[in-house]
C-alpha atoms as a PDB file:
ATOM      1  CA  UNK A   1     152.616 130.209 160.141  1.00  0.00           C
ATOM      2  CA  UNK A   2     154.063 128.576 157.048  1.00  0.00           C
ATOM      3  CA  UNK A   3     151.989 128.923 153.922  1.00  0.00           C
ATOM      4  CA  UNK A   4     152.385 126.133 151.427  1.00  0.00           C
ATOM      5  CA  UNK A   5     152.462 128.623 148.598  1.00  0.00           C
ATOM      6  CA  UNK A   6     155.723 130.283 149.555  1.00  0.00           C
ATOM      7  CA  UNK A   7     156.669 132.479 146.645  1.00  0.00           C
ATOM      8  CA  UNK A   8     160.243 132.209 145.532  1.00  0.00           C
ATOM      9  CA  UNK A   9     162.082 135.390 146.484  1.00  0.00           C
ATOM     10  CA  UNK A  10     164.282 137.371 144.163  1.00  0.00           C
ATOM     11  CA  UNK A  11     166.572 136.320 142.469  1.00  0.00           C
ATOM     12  CA  UNK A  12     164.932 132.885 142.611  1.00  0.00           C
ATOM     13  CA  UNK A  13     162.089 131.624 140.466  1.00  0.00           C
ATOM     14  CA  UNK A  14     159.883 128.590 140.772  1.00  0.00           C
ATOM     15  CA  UNK A  15     161.935 126.993 137.974  1.00  0.00           C
ATOM     16  CA  UNK A  16     164.861 126.798 140.429  1.00  0.00           C
ATOM     17  CA  UNK A  17     162.828 124.492 142.657  1.00  0.00           C
ATOM     18  CA  UNK A  18     162.073 121.477 140.494  1.00  0.00           C
ATOM     19  CA  UNK A  19     164.054 118.947 142.544  1.00  0.00           C
ATOM     20  CA  UNK A  20     161.170 117.769 144.693  1.00  0.00           C
ATOM     21  CA  UNK A  21     163.320 118.177 147.832  1.00  0.00           C
ATOM     22  CA  UNK A  22     165.336 121.149 149.159  1.00  0.00           C
ATOM     23  CA  UNK A  23     168.572 119.148 149.066  1.00  0.00           C
ATOM     24  CA  UNK A  24     168.170 118.332 145.381  1.00  0.00           C
ATOM     25  CA  UNK A  25     167.208 121.947 144.710  1.00  0.00           C
ATOM     26  CA  UNK A  26     170.418 122.989 146.480  1.00  0.00           C
ATOM     27  CA  UNK A  27     172.512 120.848 144.113  1.00  0.00           C
ATOM     28  CA  UNK A  28     170.803 122.675 141.234  1.00  0.00           C
ATOM     29  CA  UNK A  29     171.992 126.156 142.226  1.00  0.00           C
ATOM     30  CA  UNK A  30     174.408 126.148 139.295  1.00  0.00           C
ATOM     31  CA  UNK A  31     173.257 126.950 135.801  1.00  0.00           C
ATOM     32  CA  UNK A  32     174.152 123.670 134.092  1.00  0.00           C
ATOM     33  CA  UNK A  33     175.861 120.557 135.483  1.00  0.00           C
ATOM     34  CA  UNK A  34     176.589 118.860 132.176  1.00  0.00           C
ATOM     35  CA  UNK A  35     178.141 121.873 130.428  1.00  0.00           C
ATOM     36  CA  UNK A  36     179.351 124.157 133.258  1.00  0.00           C
ATOM     37  CA  UNK A  37     179.082 127.780 132.194  1.00  0.00           C
ATOM     38  CA  UNK A  38     181.679 130.429 132.946  1.00  0.00           C
ATOM     39  CA  UNK A  39     179.157 132.421 134.964  1.00  0.00           C
ATOM     40  CA  UNK A  40     177.008 129.502 136.061  1.00  0.00           C
ATOM     41  CA  UNK A  41     177.153 130.098 139.826  1.00  0.00           C
ATOM     42  CA  UNK A  42     173.780 131.062 141.309  1.00  0.00           C
ATOM     43  CA  UNK A  43     174.943 131.414 144.936  1.00  0.00           C
ATOM     44  CA  UNK A  44     177.232 134.426 144.683  1.00  0.00           C
ATOM     45  CA  UNK A  45     176.503 136.465 147.814  1.00  0.00           C
ATOM     46  CA  UNK A  46     175.221 135.818 151.343  1.00  0.00           C
ATOM     47  CA  UNK A  47     171.890 137.376 150.278  1.00  0.00           C
ATOM     48  CA  UNK A  48     171.578 134.715 147.530  1.00  0.00           C
ATOM     49  CA  UNK A  49     172.025 131.979 150.140  1.00  0.00           C
ATOM     50  CA  UNK A  50     169.503 133.570 152.506  1.00  0.00           C
ATOM     51  CA  UNK A  51     166.828 134.186 149.861  1.00  0.00           C
ATOM     52  CA  UNK A  52     167.367 130.643 148.551  1.00  0.00           C
ATOM     53  CA  UNK A  53     166.886 129.185 152.053  1.00  0.00           C
ATOM     54  CA  UNK A  54     163.733 131.274 152.490  1.00  0.00           C
ATOM     55  CA  UNK A  55     162.404 130.235 149.055  1.00  0.00           C
ATOM     56  CA  UNK A  56     163.173 126.587 149.875  1.00  0.00           C
ATOM     57  CA  UNK A  57     161.055 126.972 153.006  1.00  0.00           C
ATOM     58  CA  UNK A  58     163.866 126.576 155.526  1.00  0.00           C
ATOM     59  CA  UNK A  59     162.905 129.749 157.325  1.00  0.00           C
ATOM     60  CA  UNK A  60     160.075 132.223 157.010  1.00  0.00           C
ATOM     61  CA  UNK A  61     161.892 135.405 157.902  1.00  0.00           C
ATOM     62  CA  UNK A  62     165.304 136.047 156.388  1.00  0.00           C
ATOM     63  CA  UNK A  63     167.636 136.446 159.403  1.00  0.00           C
ATOM     64  CA  UNK A  64     170.126 139.293 159.674  1.00  0.00           C
ATOM     65  CA  UNK A  65     173.577 137.822 159.875  1.00  0.00           C
ATOM     66  CA  UNK A  66     176.523 139.279 161.720  1.00  0.00           C
ATOM     67  CA  UNK A  67     179.678 139.857 159.723  1.00  0.00           C
ATOM     68  CA  UNK A  68     181.166 136.721 161.303  1.00  0.00           C
ATOM     69  CA  UNK A  69     178.221 134.587 160.183  1.00  0.00           C
ATOM     70  CA  UNK A  70     178.154 136.057 156.694  1.00  0.00           C
ATOM     71  CA  UNK A  71     181.897 135.962 156.011  1.00  0.00           C
ATOM     72  CA  UNK A  72     182.386 132.283 155.127  1.00  0.00           C
ATOM     73  CA  UNK A  73     178.770 131.575 154.275  1.00  0.00           C
ATOM     74  CA  UNK A  74     178.945 131.459 150.481  1.00  0.00           C
ATOM     75  CA  UNK A  75     182.005 129.177 150.089  1.00  0.00           C
ATOM     76  CA  UNK A  76     180.761 126.908 152.897  1.00  0.00           C
ATOM     77  CA  UNK A  77     177.306 126.515 151.373  1.00  0.00           C
ATOM     78  CA  UNK A  78     178.871 125.973 147.936  1.00  0.00           C
ATOM     79  CA  UNK A  79     181.025 123.229 149.493  1.00  0.00           C
ATOM     80  CA  UNK A  80     177.957 121.562 151.044  1.00  0.00           C
ATOM     81  CA  UNK A  81     176.194 121.827 147.684  1.00  0.00           C
ATOM     82  CA  UNK A  82     179.050 120.170 145.799  1.00  0.00           C
ATOM     83  CA  UNK A  83     179.297 117.386 148.389  1.00  0.00           C
ATOM     84  CA  UNK A  84     175.520 116.877 148.174  1.00  0.00           C
ATOM     85  CA  UNK A  85     175.768 116.816 144.397  1.00  0.00           C
ATOM     86  CA  UNK A  86     178.559 114.215 144.473  1.00  0.00           C
ATOM     87  CA  UNK A  87     176.459 112.025 146.786  1.00  0.00           C
ATOM     88  CA  UNK A  88     173.135 112.280 144.949  1.00  0.00           C
ATOM     89  CA  UNK A  89     174.632 112.230 141.477  1.00  0.00           C
ATOM     90  CA  UNK A  90     176.196 108.887 142.416  1.00  0.00           C
ATOM     91  CA  UNK A  91     172.798 107.647 143.661  1.00  0.00           C
ATOM     92  CA  UNK A  92     171.094 108.864 140.462  1.00  0.00           C
ATOM     93  CA  UNK A  93     173.587 106.880 138.396  1.00  0.00           C
ATOM     94  CA  UNK A  94     173.304 103.748 140.545  1.00  0.00           C
ATOM     95  CA  UNK A  95     176.823 104.131 141.943  1.00  0.00           C
ATOM     96  CA  UNK A  96     178.069 103.775 145.513  1.00  0.00           C
ATOM     97  CA  UNK A  97     177.892 106.880 147.694  1.00  0.00           C
ATOM     98  CA  UNK A  98     181.372 108.477 147.648  1.00  0.00           C
ATOM     99  CA  UNK A  99     182.957 108.316 151.110  1.00  0.00           C
ATOM    100  CA  UNK A 100     184.817 111.636 151.139  1.00  0.00           C
ATOM    101  CA  UNK A 101     181.931 114.058 150.457  1.00  0.00           C
ATOM    102  CA  UNK A 102     179.469 112.003 152.518  1.00  0.00           C
ATOM    103  CA  UNK A 103     181.876 111.856 155.479  1.00  0.00           C
ATOM    104  CA  UNK A 104     182.428 115.607 155.295  1.00  0.00           C
ATOM    105  CA  UNK A 105     178.663 116.216 155.332  1.00  0.00           C
ATOM    106  CA  UNK A 106     178.289 113.963 158.387  1.00  0.00           C
ATOM    107  CA  UNK A 107     181.095 115.827 160.170  1.00  0.00           C
ATOM    108  CA  UNK A 108     179.668 119.261 159.371  1.00  0.00           C
ATOM    109  CA  UNK A 109     176.191 118.201 160.494  1.00  0.00           C
ATOM    110  CA  UNK A 110     177.664 116.665 163.642  1.00  0.00           C
ATOM    111  CA  UNK A 111     179.600 119.815 164.472  1.00  0.00           C
ATOM    112  CA  UNK A 112     176.445 121.907 164.150  1.00  0.00           C
ATOM    113  CA  UNK A 113     174.454 119.547 166.366  1.00  0.00           C
ATOM    114  CA  UNK A 114     177.241 119.356 168.972  1.00  0.00           C
ATOM    115  CA  UNK A 115     177.511 123.138 169.077  1.00  0.00           C
ATOM    116  CA  UNK A 116     173.720 123.231 169.511  1.00  0.00           C
ATOM    117  CA  UNK A 117     173.279 125.443 166.462  1.00  0.00           C
ATOM    118  CA  UNK A 118     170.979 122.683 165.267  1.00  0.00           C
ATOM    119  CA  UNK A 119     168.753 121.421 168.068  1.00  0.00           C
ATOM    120  CA  UNK A 120     165.368 120.066 169.106  1.00  0.00           C
ATOM    121  CA  UNK A 121     165.504 117.300 166.553  1.00  0.00           C
ATOM    122  CA  UNK A 122     162.117 115.651 167.016  1.00  0.00           C
ATOM    123  CA  UNK A 123     161.396 111.928 167.119  1.00  0.00           C
ATOM    124  CA  UNK A 124     160.350 111.798 163.473  1.00  0.00           C
ATOM    125  CA  UNK A 125     163.645 113.510 162.531  1.00  0.00           C
ATOM    126  CA  UNK A 126     161.763 115.764 160.173  1.00  0.00           C
ATOM    127  CA  UNK A 127     161.877 118.960 162.215  1.00  0.00           C
ATOM    128  CA  UNK A 128     164.733 120.700 163.871  1.00  0.00           C
ATOM    129  CA  UNK A 129     165.338 124.165 165.167  1.00  0.00           C
ATOM    130  CA  UNK A 130     168.334 126.119 163.983  1.00  0.00           C
ATOM    131  CA  UNK A 131     169.975 129.239 165.287  1.00  0.00           C
ATOM    132  CA  UNK A 132     170.292 130.528 161.723  1.00  0.00           C
ATOM    133  CA  UNK A 133     172.388 133.525 162.805  1.00  0.00           C
ATOM    134  CA  UNK A 134     175.212 131.486 164.385  1.00  0.00           C
ATOM    135  CA  UNK A 135     178.377 131.197 162.254  1.00  0.00           C
ATOM    136  CA  UNK A 136     178.333 127.848 160.456  1.00  0.00           C
ATOM    137  CA  UNK A 137     174.699 127.116 161.330  1.00  0.00           C
ATOM    138  CA  UNK A 138     173.309 127.296 157.778  1.00  0.00           C
ATOM    139  CA  UNK A 139     175.950 124.940 156.276  1.00  0.00           C
ATOM    140  CA  UNK A 140     175.496 122.582 159.264  1.00  0.00           C
ATOM    141  CA  UNK A 141     171.707 122.523 158.888  1.00  0.00           C
ATOM    142  CA  UNK A 142     171.976 121.982 155.123  1.00  0.00           C
ATOM    143  CA  UNK A 143     174.456 119.131 155.733  1.00  0.00           C
ATOM    144  CA  UNK A 144     172.037 117.517 158.171  1.00  0.00           C
ATOM    145  CA  UNK A 145     169.277 117.831 155.565  1.00  0.00           C
ATOM    146  CA  UNK A 146     171.497 116.124 152.980  1.00  0.00           C
ATOM    147  CA  UNK A 147     172.261 113.233 155.340  1.00  0.00           C
ATOM    148  CA  UNK A 148     168.580 112.884 156.225  1.00  0.00           C
ATOM    149  CA  UNK A 149     167.566 112.971 152.548  1.00  0.00           C
ATOM    150  CA  UNK A 150     170.090 110.290 151.666  1.00  0.00           C
ATOM    151  CA  UNK A 151     168.480 107.932 154.161  1.00  0.00           C
ATOM    152  CA  UNK A 152     164.858 108.841 153.449  1.00  0.00           C
ATOM    153  CA  UNK A 153     164.438 109.633 149.749  1.00  0.00           C
ATOM    154  CA  UNK A 154     163.589 106.666 147.480  1.00  0.00           C
ATOM    155  CA  UNK A 155     166.895 105.952 145.745  1.00  0.00           C
ATOM    156  CA  UNK A 156     165.337 104.476 142.649  1.00  0.00           C
ATOM    157  CA  UNK A 157     163.495 107.760 142.032  1.00  0.00           C
ATOM    158  CA  UNK A 158     166.487 110.106 142.146  1.00  0.00           C
ATOM    159  CA  UNK A 159     167.334 111.158 138.600  1.00  0.00           C
ATOM    160  CA  UNK A 160     169.666 113.464 136.733  1.00  0.00           C
ATOM    161  CA  UNK A 161     168.217 115.522 133.882  1.00  0.00           C
ATOM    162  CA  UNK A 162     169.299 114.050 130.554  1.00  0.00           C
ATOM    163  CA  UNK A 163     170.233 117.477 129.279  1.00  0.00           C
ATOM    164  CA  UNK A 164     171.535 119.782 132.052  1.00  0.00           C
ATOM    165  CA  UNK A 165     172.364 117.237 134.762  1.00  0.00           C
ATOM    166  CA  UNK A 166     170.152 118.858 137.429  1.00  0.00           C
ATOM    167  CA  UNK A 167     168.935 116.350 140.002  1.00  0.00           C
ATOM    168  CA  UNK A 168     165.293 115.700 140.826  1.00  0.00           C
ATOM    169  CA  UNK A 169     162.985 113.262 142.550  1.00  0.00           C
ATOM    170  CA  UNK A 170     160.891 111.499 139.942  1.00  0.00           C
ATOM    171  CA  UNK A 171     157.399 111.446 141.384  1.00  0.00           C
ATOM    172  CA  UNK A 172     155.706 110.700 138.057  1.00  0.00           C
ATOM    173  CA  UNK A 173     153.468 107.659 138.177  1.00  0.00           C
ATOM    174  CA  UNK A 174     155.435 105.571 135.736  1.00  0.00           C
ATOM    175  CA  UNK A 175     158.778 106.801 137.041  1.00  0.00           C
ATOM    176  CA  UNK A 176     159.896 107.818 133.548  1.00  0.00           C
ATOM    177  CA  UNK A 177     160.602 111.515 133.944  1.00  0.00           C
ATOM    178  CA  UNK A 178     163.782 112.415 132.052  1.00  0.00           C
ATOM    179  CA  UNK A 179     164.060 116.175 132.253  1.00  0.00           C
ATOM    180  CA  UNK A 180     164.419 118.639 135.090  1.00  0.00           C
ATOM    181  CA  UNK A 181     161.576 120.505 133.427  1.00  0.00           C
ATOM    182  CA  UNK A 182     159.693 119.659 130.288  1.00  0.00           C
ATOM    183  CA  UNK A 183     159.321 123.288 129.269  1.00  0.00           C
ATOM    184  CA  UNK A 184     163.040 124.026 129.668  1.00  0.00           C
ATOM    185  CA  UNK A 185     165.249 121.016 128.925  1.00  0.00           C
ATOM    186  CA  UNK A 186     162.541 118.785 127.459  1.00  0.00           C
ATOM    187  CA  UNK A 187     161.649 121.305 124.787  1.00  0.00           C
ATOM    188  CA  UNK A 188     165.282 122.193 124.069  1.00  0.00           C
ATOM    189  CA  UNK A 189     166.068 118.531 123.575  1.00  0.00           C
ATOM    190  CA  UNK A 190     163.057 118.097 121.290  1.00  0.00           C
ATOM    191  CA  UNK A 191     164.163 121.127 119.254  1.00  0.00           C
ATOM    192  CA  UNK A 192     167.699 119.730 119.020  1.00  0.00           C
ATOM    193  CA  UNK A 193     166.402 116.364 117.800  1.00  0.00           C
ATOM    194  CA  UNK A 194     164.101 118.072 115.347  1.00  0.00           C
ATOM    195  CA  UNK A 195     167.043 120.050 113.915  1.00  0.00           C
ATOM    196  CA  UNK A 196     169.184 116.898 113.759  1.00  0.00           C
ATOM    197  CA  UNK A 197     166.363 115.010 112.076  1.00  0.00           C
ATOM    198  CA  UNK A 198     166.151 117.639 109.364  1.00  0.00           C
ATOM    199  CA  UNK A 199     169.864 117.530 108.619  1.00  0.00           C
ATOM    200  CA  UNK A 200     169.873 113.735 108.240  1.00  0.00           C
ATOM    201  CA  UNK A 201     167.356 113.671 105.387  1.00  0.00           C
END
């Protein structure tokens, strides 16, 4: 039973899930894209990856991973995230999808499907079963999600926040959303403009 009101699990908060799609939320698991911070990485340990996946609704119960599954998990998921970011950042800026990261995502997804870590892909392509405990399964499933999102999300609604560079799906009626979150970046930007306005007079 999946409840629609899945609460984000520690260390995640609802503010980490503003992308409108798990793939865009994945690209936002760094503190700031525009001004990368020294300690801006949010996926530092296998537990971070697992709680993020659970918070994003990928699985209900956090699986226990073997040492083999956990060992390369963080760098592999970070790699998928950066490839996803390269792909969707290009889309957000109206540029062509970069071949190298997109090809790597296709390969990783393909490897997972071939190894049957990712299986039972239904006709609508919106549900698949994953053996989450198999080594490489989580990065493969995330890669497949990225590929699927690239083909299904409305390209003209994918945006990058004007302040921090986080990606999101603009579902506002007029399609004019500019910030990842009005109460974080929107307000900071307003405050910055207000301060600038005062110094110009």
